Amino acid sequence: MSHSTVPRSRAEADDDGTGRTPVESGDATGTGKKTKTGKLSLRVRFRRDRTLILMTLPAVLLLLVFNYLPILGNIVAFQDYDPYVSDNGIVSMLHSAWVGIENFQQIFADSAFWNAVKNTLVLFFLQLVLFFPIPIGLALLINSVLRPRVRAIAQAVLYLPHFFSWVLVISVFQQIFGGAGLLSQLLRQHGYDGLDIMTDPSTFKFLVTAEGVWKDAGWGIIVFLAALASVNPDLYEAAAMDGAGRWRRIWHVTLPALRPVIALLLVLRVGDALTVGFEQILLQRDAVGPGASEVLDTFVWWNGVRNQDFGYAAAAGLIKGVVSLGLVLAANKVAHLMGEQGVYKK
């Protein structure tokens, strides 16, 4: 029997009969040397990924300068910080009196702090129940529209308020739900008393949630529509051939495709639970009073900026940061238990 004289490729020529080349099997003659555990050495991985590492260096430097170096300023939480000791903030920290955990003891004994915690958690749970599912439902609704032009127009209209400032958003709601707004005027024309939702402390949490839905639901739609675009159309066709209606196709095909994105955004939302909108609430704080509107962010701002009690405000901010980190880790652990990746892998 004659043998083929067709030259083999280099990979085929280097095959040792196990289906792996020396590089893949970690031979000393290849460039992919492995450690005893079977992983590539750090030097080899650095040489392989050096281009990507150089590309990410500017972003890493920005994070170090603007996100991680300011963490050192948390030492103010353990001081009676006086910014007027010196024009240099670092020198002021070095010469400010050390008080230990005194600021934290005062915070835990402050009823205003606990009121801010209560308002923050109420707004978080309310927005989680009412706000978080709305972008998912709107994305499913837009995705079911067959005409691409209608879909694009609906998507643009819903996404437009995301670019509005909170001043403009609150002004729009004031013109509709304020004491002299359209709704109040309509009620008076029909013989009813006027309605001023913008200054009612009992409905403030629902007002804040409605403002957030109108402004930011469009951004969530973009994220979920991008996830829906990756769904294989053959899955819908196979489900339809098996007799699945529209709702069953959504339940068994669409929602499982959105599950990783939902888990990721939910973890991030839980980690951001103690941040419920500083600018939005600060603009409406005087209208409803601090009892209904004070949250942790405005509490820190009021004590740190307005009252210039920087150590006290830094202690409150540090508590918020530690609790938020714990919430992220806990939510990510729950995502792992559900079989999802979350923010990072196991």
Foldseek 3Di string as FASTA:
>chain_A
DDDDPPDDDPQVVQDPPPSGHCLQVQHPVHLQHDDPVRHGDPVSVCVVCVVVVVVCVVVVVVCCVPPVVCVVVLQLLQFQFDCPVDVDNVVSSVPTHGRGCPLVVVLVVDPLNVLQAVLLLVLLVVCVVPPLCVLVVVLVVLVPDDDPVVSVVVLCVQQVLLPPDLVVLVVVCCQDQAQPHPQQVVQVVVPHHGGGQLQALVCVSVVLSVSCNSRCSSVSSVVLNVLQVPFDVVLVVVCVVVPDDPVRCCVPGSVVSCVQVSLQVVLVSQLCSQPSDDVNLVVSCVSHHCSRRRHLNVVLCCCCPVVVSPNSSSNSVVVSNVVSVVSSVVSCVVCVVVVHCHPHHD
